[in-house]
Every structure is written in structure tokens, then in C-alpha cells.
């Protein structure tokens, strides 16, 4: 079993099509078909079910696919390690962060980091923590910000900061005068929320189930500026991290009477390779958070 066969196999599995996979690999389609056939003969199993216009993984192919992705990621990691030993750097940090962190915590950090290391490229992907966890495991991100609970064993985490989830209302909203709000009262109002996959949305949904009530959605969007605008104009209320309300003077944070404390952490693949750029960025972020 060699890496070429694995790359060919993964490409076909991801495209569900030999011709599309061949184009992505920049090889001729007949050559790809021959490669897959030889691989199946070598393994003694069929990896794909051939259909008229596409192919699909067999049960054996599905098992191999999960292992193949990890093996290819480890090969890429090994190449990065060798490149750095030869004096090369990856030169890029791929970071995943939820909208609230991406909007209010990381801009200053990323600008300061870029000023100190101008030759490094920074890529920030906005996603929910569930998606970030999976992208880290799949090697699509180097580092991610996740809620520090129910962390997969394949991820390493380093606590970053604590924040509180609060109800967020307009300045003239009656709730703005309250010291706290109960979840029962929160669920009596029209809500604007992020879509599923963001940890605060998932948390609020679990609370609604716990209290045996249904959430009343006026709006659902992953655009944080739109959420804030809707709340400022008092069309709905929401739940966000206190990190946001600390920077937004036109909305008011009201803690839940059952206080919701969250620990956010930097995460990366436990068995993955962290480049010099990645390790430097992690230390830079930790130093910044320690002085906040």
C-alpha cells in the first residue's frame, strides 16, 4: 500500500466520480481507473460500487477512507517537519474561530502578530465550534477556538479565556433594567440566534428542551452585525458572550439567574504537526490573553 494509491482512492471517494477525481489529480482518467483497480486487487476487496454516472464507497471502502485521510495528513505533516529542518517554514497559520471571537478578540491579535512576523500568512475561518472541531480533525485547520468541554480525544487543548453567556437586549427594552433574567422569561420573547453548530445556539436549545418550551425565532443568521442590529432595534433578543457586549454600547447584557460560564480554549490535533508559525502564534495569543 503506497501513498499514491491512497491519494487516488481518497480523490475518487471525495468526488464520487473518476473523471472529476482525475482532473483534480491532474492525471488521465484511464490511468486513475487502472490505479484503483490495482489497489483493489492488492487489497483483495472492492472499494467502490460502479454506477452509471458515479461511484460510491463500499462498506470496505468506507472503513479504508477514514484511515486513508489520517495517513495522508500524517504524510503531509512529516513533509512539513522535514521542510522546516531544511530551513523552510510553512508560512501560514490557519485559524478557526466563532464569529464573536473572530470579531472582538482576534483582530487586534492578528494585526499585532502580522506586524511582528510580516512574512507569515494568517487565515481566519469563521465557523461554529462543532465545525471547527471536525475541520481540525480533518487537517483543514491548524488551530481552532472551541468550547473547552466534550473535547475529542484526538485534540489537544490549552485554556484561553473565560467568558459568560448573557441575554442581550436593546437599551430601551424592559429587560434592560433587570439585574438577571430567568430562562423561562428569556424563552417568552422573540429570538434572533445563530444557526445550529454554534455552541451558544446549541446550549440555548438544550435549555429550551430542559424547560419544556419551544424557542420563538424571528430571525436566524450567522451574521453577527445583523444579529446586533436586530437587537438594537428591539425586534428580538438574543444570547451572546459578554465579550461582545463589552464592546457594544447600544445593547445591554443581562446575566441569566443560572449563570452560564464558558471556558474557551485553543485546540489542535494531538497527533498532528504544528509548524514553527503555528507554535509561535499559539504562544503569541496566550501572552496577549494573559495581559487582557
Protein backbone atom coordinates (compact mmCIF):
# COMPACT_ATOMS: atom_id res chain seq x y z
CA UNK A 1 0.00 0.00 0.00
CA UNK A 2 1.66 3.24 -1.10
CA UNK A 3 0.69 6.89 -0.74
CA UNK A 4 -0.09 7.27 -4.47
CA UNK A 5 -2.81 4.63 -4.30
CA UNK A 6 -4.20 6.24 -1.15
CA UNK A 7 -4.30 9.70 -2.77
CA UNK A 8 -6.05 8.30 -5.82
CA UNK A 9 -8.52 6.39 -3.65
CA UNK A 10 -9.36 9.44 -1.49
CA UNK A 11 -9.81 11.67 -4.55
CA UNK A 12 -12.33 9.27 -6.11
CA UNK A 13 -14.13 8.86 -2.76
CA UNK A 14 -14.46 12.62 -2.32
CA UNK A 15 -15.58 13.35 -5.88
CA UNK A 16 -17.73 10.20 -6.34
CA UNK A 17 -16.57 10.31 -9.93
CA UNK A 18 -13.46 9.05 -11.75
CA UNK A 19 -13.31 11.84 -14.33
CA UNK A 20 -13.64 14.64 -11.76
CA UNK A 21 -11.09 12.96 -9.49
CA UNK A 22 -8.66 12.58 -12.39
CA UNK A 23 -8.96 16.30 -13.19
CA UNK A 24 -8.29 17.19 -9.55
CA UNK A 25 -5.23 14.91 -9.53
CA UNK A 26 -4.05 16.17 -12.95
CA UNK A 27 -3.80 12.67 -14.39
CA UNK A 28 -5.65 10.88 -17.20
CA UNK A 29 -8.89 9.17 -16.27
CA UNK A 30 -7.84 5.73 -17.64
CA UNK A 31 -4.65 5.89 -15.57
CA UNK A 32 -6.70 6.61 -12.45
CA UNK A 33 -9.06 3.71 -13.17
CA UNK A 34 -6.10 1.35 -13.60
CA UNK A 35 -4.56 2.61 -10.34
CA UNK A 36 -7.76 1.98 -8.38
CA UNK A 37 -8.20 -1.46 -9.95
CA UNK A 38 -4.66 -2.46 -9.00
CA UNK A 39 -5.24 -1.14 -5.48
CA UNK A 40 -8.40 -3.24 -5.12
CA UNK A 41 -6.56 -6.31 -6.40
CA UNK A 42 -3.74 -5.66 -3.93
CA UNK A 43 -6.20 -5.39 -1.03
CA UNK A 44 -8.43 -8.20 -2.20
CA UNK A 45 -11.65 -6.17 -1.80
CA UNK A 46 -13.81 -3.87 -3.89
CA UNK A 47 -13.58 -0.27 -2.72
CA UNK A 48 -16.23 1.24 -4.99
CA UNK A 49 -19.60 0.31 -6.42
CA UNK A 50 -19.57 1.40 -10.04
CA UNK A 51 -22.82 3.03 -11.14
CA UNK A 52 -23.79 4.57 -14.45
CA UNK A 53 -22.70 8.16 -13.79
CA UNK A 54 -20.85 7.97 -10.49
CA UNK A 55 -19.24 5.65 -7.97
CA UNK A 56 -19.96 5.05 -4.29
CA UNK A 57 -17.86 3.58 -1.49
CA UNK A 58 -18.49 0.00 -0.46
CA UNK A 59 -18.50 -0.86 3.26
CA UNK A 60 -14.83 -1.83 2.92
CA UNK A 61 -14.14 1.46 1.15
CA UNK A 62 -15.80 3.47 3.94
CA UNK A 63 -13.54 1.83 6.53
CA UNK A 64 -10.41 2.48 4.46
CA UNK A 65 -11.43 6.10 3.73
CA UNK A 66 -11.23 7.17 7.39
CA UNK A 67 -7.77 5.60 7.78
CA UNK A 68 -6.55 6.91 4.43
CA UNK A 69 -7.38 10.54 5.29
CA UNK A 70 -5.36 10.29 8.50
CA UNK A 71 -2.41 8.59 6.81
CA UNK A 72 -2.24 11.25 4.10
CA UNK A 73 -2.45 14.01 6.72
CA UNK A 74 0.44 12.42 8.62
CA UNK A 75 2.49 12.25 5.42
CA UNK A 76 1.83 15.97 4.85
CA UNK A 77 2.82 16.70 8.45
CA UNK A 78 6.05 14.74 8.00
CA UNK A 79 6.88 16.75 4.88
CA UNK A 80 6.33 20.00 6.78
CA UNK A 81 8.65 18.82 9.53
CA UNK A 82 11.37 17.95 7.03
CA UNK A 83 10.93 21.27 5.23
CA UNK A 84 11.43 23.16 8.47
CA UNK A 85 14.54 21.17 9.28
CA UNK A 86 15.87 22.33 5.93
CA UNK A 87 15.27 25.92 6.97
CA UNK A 88 11.83 26.36 5.40
CA UNK A 89 8.71 27.47 7.25
CA UNK A 90 5.12 26.73 6.49
CA UNK A 91 4.48 30.44 6.46
CA UNK A 92 0.76 30.18 7.19
CA UNK A 93 -1.46 29.87 10.23
CA UNK A 94 -4.96 28.53 9.55
CA UNK A 95 -7.18 29.52 12.47
CA UNK A 96 -10.83 28.70 13.05
CA UNK A 97 -12.88 30.84 15.45
CA UNK A 98 -16.58 31.52 16.14
CA UNK A 99 -17.90 34.89 14.96
CA UNK A 100 -17.78 36.54 18.38
CA UNK A 101 -14.13 35.66 18.90
CA UNK A 102 -13.27 36.50 15.30
CA UNK A 103 -14.92 39.91 15.56
CA UNK A 104 -13.84 41.08 19.01
CA UNK A 105 -10.87 39.06 20.25
CA UNK A 106 -8.66 38.22 17.30
CA UNK A 107 -8.46 41.32 15.05
CA UNK A 108 -6.03 43.14 17.34
CA UNK A 109 -4.01 39.98 17.90
CA UNK A 110 -3.74 39.17 14.22
CA UNK A 111 -2.66 42.69 13.28
CA UNK A 112 -0.02 42.72 16.03
CA UNK A 113 1.21 39.26 15.00
CA UNK A 114 1.40 40.30 11.35
CA UNK A 115 3.44 43.39 12.25
CA UNK A 116 5.95 41.23 14.12
CA UNK A 117 6.05 38.43 11.50
CA UNK A 118 5.23 40.14 8.17
CA UNK A 119 6.18 37.11 6.02
CA UNK A 120 3.60 34.80 7.59
CA UNK A 121 0.11 34.43 6.15
CA UNK A 122 -2.88 34.37 8.50
CA UNK A 123 -6.17 32.75 7.51
CA UNK A 124 -9.19 33.10 9.81
CA UNK A 125 -12.18 30.82 9.19
CA UNK A 126 -15.49 31.77 10.82
CA UNK A 127 -17.38 28.67 11.97
CA UNK A 128 -19.20 27.12 14.90
CA UNK A 129 -17.14 25.14 17.38
CA UNK A 130 -18.65 21.85 16.21
CA UNK A 131 -17.48 22.54 12.67
CA UNK A 132 -14.11 23.76 13.94
CA UNK A 133 -13.51 20.51 15.83
CA UNK A 134 -14.18 18.49 12.69
CA UNK A 135 -12.02 20.76 10.49
CA UNK A 136 -9.15 20.34 12.95
CA UNK A 137 -9.52 16.54 12.87
CA UNK A 138 -9.65 16.62 9.05
CA UNK A 139 -6.50 18.77 8.83
CA UNK A 140 -8.33 21.72 7.26
CA UNK A 141 -7.32 23.98 10.17
CA UNK A 142 -4.11 24.13 12.20
CA UNK A 143 -5.57 25.80 15.30
CA UNK A 144 -9.13 26.42 16.44
CA UNK A 145 -11.05 28.07 19.25
CA UNK A 146 -13.54 25.70 20.86
CA UNK A 147 -15.65 25.43 23.98
CA UNK A 148 -13.48 23.52 26.45
CA UNK A 149 -15.86 20.65 27.15
CA UNK A 150 -16.61 17.34 25.42
CA UNK A 151 -13.30 17.68 23.59
CA UNK A 152 -12.46 14.72 21.28
CA UNK A 153 -9.50 12.63 22.42
CA UNK A 154 -7.72 13.43 19.15
CA UNK A 155 -7.49 17.13 20.05
CA UNK A 156 -5.06 18.88 22.38
CA UNK A 157 -6.39 21.98 24.15
CA UNK A 158 -4.93 24.93 26.02
CA UNK A 159 -7.33 27.13 28.02
CA UNK A 160 -7.54 30.63 26.56
CA UNK A 161 -10.14 32.72 28.38
CA UNK A 162 -13.33 32.59 30.42
CA UNK A 163 -16.46 34.40 29.34
CA UNK A 164 -20.09 34.46 30.38
CA UNK A 165 -23.10 33.89 28.16
CA UNK A 166 -25.69 36.60 28.75
CA UNK A 167 -29.04 37.66 27.39
CA UNK A 168 -28.62 40.65 25.08
CA UNK A 169 -31.37 43.25 24.60
CA UNK A 170 -31.81 46.76 23.26
CA UNK A 171 -31.17 49.70 25.59
CA UNK A 172 -34.88 50.60 25.81
CA UNK A 173 -36.10 47.03 26.23
CA UNK A 174 -37.87 46.42 29.60
CA UNK A 175 -35.46 43.58 30.39
CA UNK A 176 -32.54 46.04 30.20
CA UNK A 177 -33.45 47.29 33.68
CA UNK A 178 -33.29 43.84 35.26
CA UNK A 179 -30.32 42.55 37.23
CA UNK A 180 -30.81 38.99 35.91
CA UNK A 181 -33.19 37.05 33.68
CA UNK A 182 -34.55 33.55 34.04
CA UNK A 183 -34.54 31.14 31.15
CA UNK A 184 -38.34 30.92 31.40
CA UNK A 185 -38.59 34.68 30.83
CA UNK A 186 -35.96 34.56 28.06
CA UNK A 187 -37.97 31.98 26.13
CA UNK A 188 -41.11 34.17 26.31
CA UNK A 189 -39.52 36.59 23.81
CA UNK A 190 -38.88 36.55 20.10
CA UNK A 191 -35.29 35.45 19.49
CA UNK A 192 -32.60 36.08 16.91
CA UNK A 193 -29.95 33.37 17.05
CA UNK A 194 -27.01 31.91 15.18
CA UNK A 195 -27.70 28.72 13.29
CA UNK A 196 -27.06 25.28 14.75
CA UNK A 197 -23.43 24.29 15.21
CA UNK A 198 -22.52 27.36 17.25
CA UNK A 199 -22.04 26.41 20.89
CA UNK A 200 -24.29 29.13 22.36
CA UNK A 201 -27.14 28.20 19.99
CA UNK A 202 -26.77 24.53 20.92
CA UNK A 203 -26.68 25.44 24.62
CA UNK A 204 -29.85 27.55 24.39
CA UNK A 205 -31.64 24.76 22.51
CA UNK A 206 -30.74 22.29 25.26
CA UNK A 207 -32.07 24.74 27.85
CA UNK A 208 -35.34 25.07 25.94
CA UNK A 209 -35.70 21.28 25.95
CA UNK A 210 -34.86 21.20 29.67
CA UNK A 211 -37.62 23.71 30.39
CA UNK A 212 -40.06 22.01 28.03
CA UNK A 213 -40.58 25.06 25.84
CA UNK A 214 -40.12 25.94 22.19
CA UNK A 215 -37.98 28.84 21.07
CA UNK A 216 -39.71 31.62 19.16
CA UNK A 217 -37.49 32.55 16.22
CA UNK A 218 -37.92 35.85 14.45
CA UNK A 219 -34.54 35.61 12.75
CA UNK A 220 -31.78 33.07 12.29
CA UNK A 221 -28.43 34.17 10.85
CA UNK A 222 -24.69 33.66 11.27
CA UNK A 223 -24.02 37.34 10.57
CA UNK A 224 -23.14 38.90 13.92
CA UNK A 225 -23.63 42.54 12.75
CA UNK A 226 -27.18 41.63 11.63
CA UNK A 227 -27.93 39.99 14.99
CA UNK A 228 -26.75 43.10 16.82
CA UNK A 229 -28.74 45.40 14.54
CA UNK A 230 -31.92 43.39 15.11
CA UNK A 231 -31.39 43.53 18.88
CA UNK A 232 -30.56 47.27 18.86
CA UNK A 233 -33.83 47.96 17.02
CA UNK A 234 -35.64 45.72 19.52
CA UNK A 235 -37.15 43.31 17.02
CA UNK A 236 -35.82 40.40 19.11
CA UNK A 237 -33.40 39.48 21.88
CA UNK A 238 -30.52 37.01 21.82
CA UNK A 239 -27.81 35.30 23.88
CA UNK A 240 -24.14 36.11 23.25
CA UNK A 241 -20.84 36.15 25.06
CA UNK A 242 -20.21 39.07 27.41
CA UNK A 243 -17.13 39.62 25.24
CA UNK A 244 -19.47 41.14 22.64
CA UNK A 245 -21.47 43.41 24.93
CA UNK A 246 -18.25 44.78 26.43
CA UNK A 247 -17.62 46.36 23.00
CA UNK A 248 -21.18 47.28 22.00
CA UNK A 249 -22.63 50.30 23.83
CA UNK A 250 -26.04 50.15 22.12
CA UNK A 251 -27.05 46.81 23.64
CA UNK A 252 -27.35 45.70 27.25
CA UNK A 253 -26.11 42.44 28.78
CA UNK A 254 -28.37 40.80 31.35
CA UNK A 255 -26.90 37.72 33.09
CA UNK A 256 -29.05 34.62 33.43
CA UNK A 257 -30.02 33.87 37.01
CA UNK A 258 -28.40 30.48 36.40
CA UNK A 259 -25.01 31.94 35.48
CA UNK A 260 -23.51 30.44 32.31
CA UNK A 261 -19.72 30.45 32.48
CA UNK A 262 -17.76 29.20 29.50
CA UNK A 263 -14.09 28.36 29.07
CA UNK A 264 -12.78 28.85 25.56
CA UNK A 265 -9.60 27.07 24.52
CA UNK A 266 -7.16 26.88 21.67
CA UNK A 267 -7.18 23.40 20.13
CA UNK A 268 -5.10 21.45 17.63
CA UNK A 269 -4.70 17.84 16.54
CA UNK A 270 -2.96 15.81 19.23
CA UNK A 271 -1.02 13.71 16.71
CA UNK A 272 -0.68 16.48 14.14
CA UNK A 273 2.39 18.51 13.33
CA UNK A 274 2.47 22.12 14.49
CA UNK A 275 4.75 24.26 12.37
CA UNK A 276 7.00 26.94 13.80
CA UNK A 277 4.42 29.50 12.65
CA UNK A 278 1.62 27.65 14.45
CA UNK A 279 3.56 27.28 17.70
CA UNK A 280 4.65 30.92 17.60
CA UNK A 281 1.06 32.07 17.05
CA UNK A 282 -0.24 29.96 19.96
CA UNK A 283 2.31 31.50 22.34
CA UNK A 284 1.56 34.97 20.99
CA UNK A 285 -2.18 34.54 21.63
CA UNK A 286 -1.61 33.16 25.14
CA UNK A 287 0.61 36.10 26.06
CA UNK A 288 -2.00 38.53 24.71
CA UNK A 289 -4.82 36.83 26.67
CA UNK A 290 -2.73 36.86 29.87
CA UNK A 291 -2.43 40.66 29.69
CA UNK A 292 -6.08 41.34 28.90
